[in-house]
Amino acid sequence: MSTRVRVDPRAADELEGAADWYDRQRPGLGRELVLEVRVAIRSLARNPGAGSPVEVVDPALGVRRVRVRRFPYQLVYLVIDMDVLVIAIAHDRRRPGYWAARAGSR
């Protein structure tokens, strides 16, 4: 049985911006990023507890992350009831923890 995965609109915007950037570097590379993010989302739907805890926020919030293959991005998410909410699609090294307020507002 799969868990429902929802993506915060701000995270969707982050993915769109990153995909646009990659497409400017090499046409089609942005689509490859989107496909890898979809693979990660499907993996979360099957196993929401697979990600690693995130240390930059209060551990009691239960924020976790899973890396995106081939790209320096991670899906930052919360498990709420029986759903997964992706709160950020964040670059590994740019602006670490910028999304932390999103976790606390849930």
C-alpha atoms as a PDB file:
ATOM      1  CA  MET A   1       0.000   0.000   0.000  1.00  0.00           C
ATOM      2  CA  SER A   2       1.328   3.434  -0.933  1.00  0.00           C
ATOM      3  CA  THR A   3       1.204   6.545   1.165  1.00  0.00           C
ATOM      4  CA  ARG A   4      -0.149   9.708  -0.425  1.00  0.00           C
ATOM      5  CA  VAL A   5       2.581  12.260  -1.151  1.00  0.00           C
ATOM      6  CA  ARG A   6       1.699  15.943  -1.403  1.00  0.00           C
ATOM      7  CA  VAL A   7       4.117  18.621  -2.540  1.00  0.00           C
ATOM      8  CA  ASP A   8       3.956  22.091  -1.007  1.00  0.00           C
ATOM      9  CA  PRO A   9       3.476  24.695  -3.777  1.00  0.00           C
ATOM     10  CA  ARG A  10       6.732  26.389  -2.733  1.00  0.00           C
ATOM     11  CA  ALA A  11       8.587  23.098  -3.223  1.00  0.00           C
ATOM     12  CA  ALA A  12       6.961  22.697  -6.647  1.00  0.00           C
ATOM     13  CA  ASP A  13       8.184  26.196  -7.531  1.00  0.00           C
ATOM     14  CA  GLU A  14      11.689  25.258  -6.388  1.00  0.00           C
ATOM     15  CA  LEU A  15      11.663  22.237  -8.676  1.00  0.00           C
ATOM     16  CA  GLU A  16      10.425  24.302 -11.598  1.00  0.00           C
ATOM     17  CA  GLY A  17      13.170  26.890 -11.058  1.00  0.00           C
ATOM     18  CA  ALA A  18      15.867  24.236 -10.791  1.00  0.00           C
ATOM     19  CA  ALA A  19      14.604  22.436 -13.897  1.00  0.00           C
ATOM     20  CA  ASP A  20      14.638  25.717 -15.847  1.00  0.00           C
ATOM     21  CA  TRP A  21      18.211  26.364 -14.719  1.00  0.00           C
ATOM     22  CA  TYR A  22      19.335  22.871 -15.783  1.00  0.00           C
ATOM     23  CA  ASP A  23      17.601  23.247 -19.146  1.00  0.00           C
ATOM     24  CA  ARG A  24      19.581  26.423 -19.774  1.00  0.00           C
ATOM     25  CA  GLN A  25      22.776  24.449 -19.085  1.00  0.00           C
ATOM     26  CA  ARG A  26      21.777  21.616 -21.409  1.00  0.00           C
ATOM     27  CA  PRO A  27      18.395  21.184 -23.084  1.00  0.00           C
ATOM     28  CA  GLY A  28      16.551  18.223 -21.572  1.00  0.00           C
ATOM     29  CA  LEU A  29      18.563  18.143 -18.350  1.00  0.00           C
ATOM     30  CA  GLY A  30      15.750  19.856 -16.445  1.00  0.00           C
ATOM     31  CA  ARG A  31      13.365  17.102 -17.497  1.00  0.00           C
ATOM     32  CA  GLU A  32      15.870  14.558 -16.203  1.00  0.00           C
ATOM     33  CA  LEU A  33      15.849  16.319 -12.822  1.00  0.00           C
ATOM     34  CA  VAL A  34      12.041  16.237 -12.742  1.00  0.00           C
ATOM     35  CA  LEU A  35      12.057  12.519 -13.554  1.00  0.00           C
ATOM     36  CA  GLU A  36      14.547  11.795 -10.755  1.00  0.00           C
ATOM     37  CA  VAL A  37      12.406  13.801  -8.306  1.00  0.00           C
ATOM     38  CA  ARG A  38       9.388  11.714  -9.358  1.00  0.00           C
ATOM     39  CA  VAL A  39      11.379   8.542  -8.663  1.00  0.00           C
ATOM     40  CA  ALA A  40      12.197   9.865  -5.176  1.00  0.00           C
ATOM     41  CA  ILE A  41       8.538  10.749  -4.575  1.00  0.00           C
ATOM     42  CA  ARG A  42       7.407   7.262  -5.594  1.00  0.00           C
ATOM     43  CA  SER A  43      10.002   5.819  -3.226  1.00  0.00           C
ATOM     44  CA  LEU A  44       8.639   7.986  -0.392  1.00  0.00           C
ATOM     45  CA  ALA A  45       5.126   6.776  -1.145  1.00  0.00           C
ATOM     46  CA  ARG A  46       6.280   3.192  -0.647  1.00  0.00           C
ATOM     47  CA  ASN A  47       8.494   3.828   2.365  1.00  0.00           C
ATOM     48  CA  PRO A  48       8.037   7.221   4.080  1.00  0.00           C
ATOM     49  CA  GLY A  49      10.410   6.362   6.923  1.00  0.00           C
ATOM     50  CA  ALA A  50      13.358   5.695   4.630  1.00  0.00           C
ATOM     51  CA  GLY A  51      14.766   9.210   4.704  1.00  0.00           C
ATOM     52  CA  SER A  52      17.297  10.562   7.158  1.00  0.00           C
ATOM     53  CA  PRO A  53      16.375  12.938   9.988  1.00  0.00           C
ATOM     54  CA  VAL A  54      17.292  16.579   9.387  1.00  0.00           C
ATOM     55  CA  GLU A  55      19.383  18.158  12.125  1.00  0.00           C
ATOM     56  CA  VAL A  56      18.826  21.864  11.364  1.00  0.00           C
ATOM     57  CA  VAL A  57      15.350  21.865  12.931  1.00  0.00           C
ATOM     58  CA  ASP A  58      13.885  20.620  16.208  1.00  0.00           C
ATOM     59  CA  PRO A  59      13.984  16.788  16.074  1.00  0.00           C
ATOM     60  CA  ALA A  60      10.496  16.693  17.582  1.00  0.00           C
ATOM     61  CA  LEU A  61       9.137  18.044  14.285  1.00  0.00           C
ATOM     62  CA  GLY A  62      10.146  14.810  12.539  1.00  0.00           C
ATOM     63  CA  VAL A  63      11.568  16.452   9.426  1.00  0.00           C
ATOM     64  CA  ARG A  64      13.315  13.978   7.149  1.00  0.00           C
ATOM     65  CA  ARG A  65      15.103  14.104   3.821  1.00  0.00           C
ATOM     66  CA  VAL A  66      15.808  11.848   0.916  1.00  0.00           C
ATOM     67  CA  ARG A  67      18.393  12.571  -1.746  1.00  0.00           C
ATOM     68  CA  VAL A  68      17.620  12.868  -5.441  1.00  0.00           C
ATOM     69  CA  ARG A  69      19.768  10.609  -7.601  1.00  0.00           C
ATOM     70  CA  ARG A  70      22.238  12.268 -10.009  1.00  0.00           C
ATOM     71  CA  PHE A  71      21.508  15.807  -8.808  1.00  0.00           C
ATOM     72  CA  PRO A  72      22.601  17.783  -5.729  1.00  0.00           C
ATOM     73  CA  TYR A  73      19.044  18.049  -4.400  1.00  0.00           C
ATOM     74  CA  GLN A  74      17.045  16.543  -1.592  1.00  0.00           C
ATOM     75  CA  LEU A  75      13.366  16.250  -0.815  1.00  0.00           C
ATOM     76  CA  VAL A  76      12.689  17.598   2.672  1.00  0.00           C
ATOM     77  CA  TYR A  77       9.485  16.177   4.095  1.00  0.00           C
ATOM     78  CA  LEU A  78       7.234  15.491   7.029  1.00  0.00           C
ATOM     79  CA  VAL A  79       5.002  12.518   7.676  1.00  0.00           C
ATOM     80  CA  ILE A  80       1.646  13.864   8.818  1.00  0.00           C
ATOM     81  CA  ASP A  81      -0.905  11.253   9.837  1.00  0.00           C
ATOM     82  CA  MET A  82      -0.701   8.823   6.923  1.00  0.00           C
ATOM     83  CA  ASP A  83       0.532  11.341   4.332  1.00  0.00           C
ATOM     84  CA  VAL A  84       3.928  12.638   3.285  1.00  0.00           C
ATOM     85  CA  LEU A  85       4.267  16.369   2.747  1.00  0.00           C
ATOM     86  CA  VAL A  86       7.308  17.506   0.765  1.00  0.00           C
ATOM     87  CA  ILE A  87       8.054  20.963   2.151  1.00  0.00           C
ATOM     88  CA  ALA A  88      11.159  21.701   0.056  1.00  0.00           C
ATOM     89  CA  ILE A  89      13.118  20.497  -2.916  1.00  0.00           C
ATOM     90  CA  ALA A  90      16.384  21.935  -1.722  1.00  0.00           C
ATOM     91  CA  HIS A  91      19.846  22.163  -3.196  1.00  0.00           C
ATOM     92  CA  ASP A  92      22.379  20.331  -1.032  1.00  0.00           C
ATOM     93  CA  ARG A  93      24.648  23.341  -0.524  1.00  0.00           C
ATOM     94  CA  ARG A  94      22.698  26.524  -1.283  1.00  0.00           C
ATOM     95  CA  ARG A  95      20.978  28.310   1.581  1.00  0.00           C
ATOM     96  CA  PRO A  96      20.930  25.376   4.034  1.00  0.00           C
ATOM     97  CA  GLY A  97      17.821  25.274   6.176  1.00  0.00           C
ATOM     98  CA  TYR A  98      16.000  28.143   4.401  1.00  0.00           C
ATOM     99  CA  TRP A  99      12.856  26.026   4.507  1.00  0.00           C
ATOM    100  CA  ALA A 100      12.935  25.451   8.293  1.00  0.00           C
ATOM    101  CA  ALA A 101      10.033  27.824   8.969  1.00  0.00           C
ATOM    102  CA  ARG A 102       7.862  25.678   6.705  1.00  0.00           C
ATOM    103  CA  ALA A 103       8.389  22.717   9.018  1.00  0.00           C
ATOM    104  CA  GLY A 104       7.365  24.626  12.108  1.00  0.00           C
ATOM    105  CA  SER A 105       4.193  25.977  10.535  1.00  0.00           C
ATOM    106  CA  ARG A 106       2.597  22.536  10.145  1.00  0.00           C
END
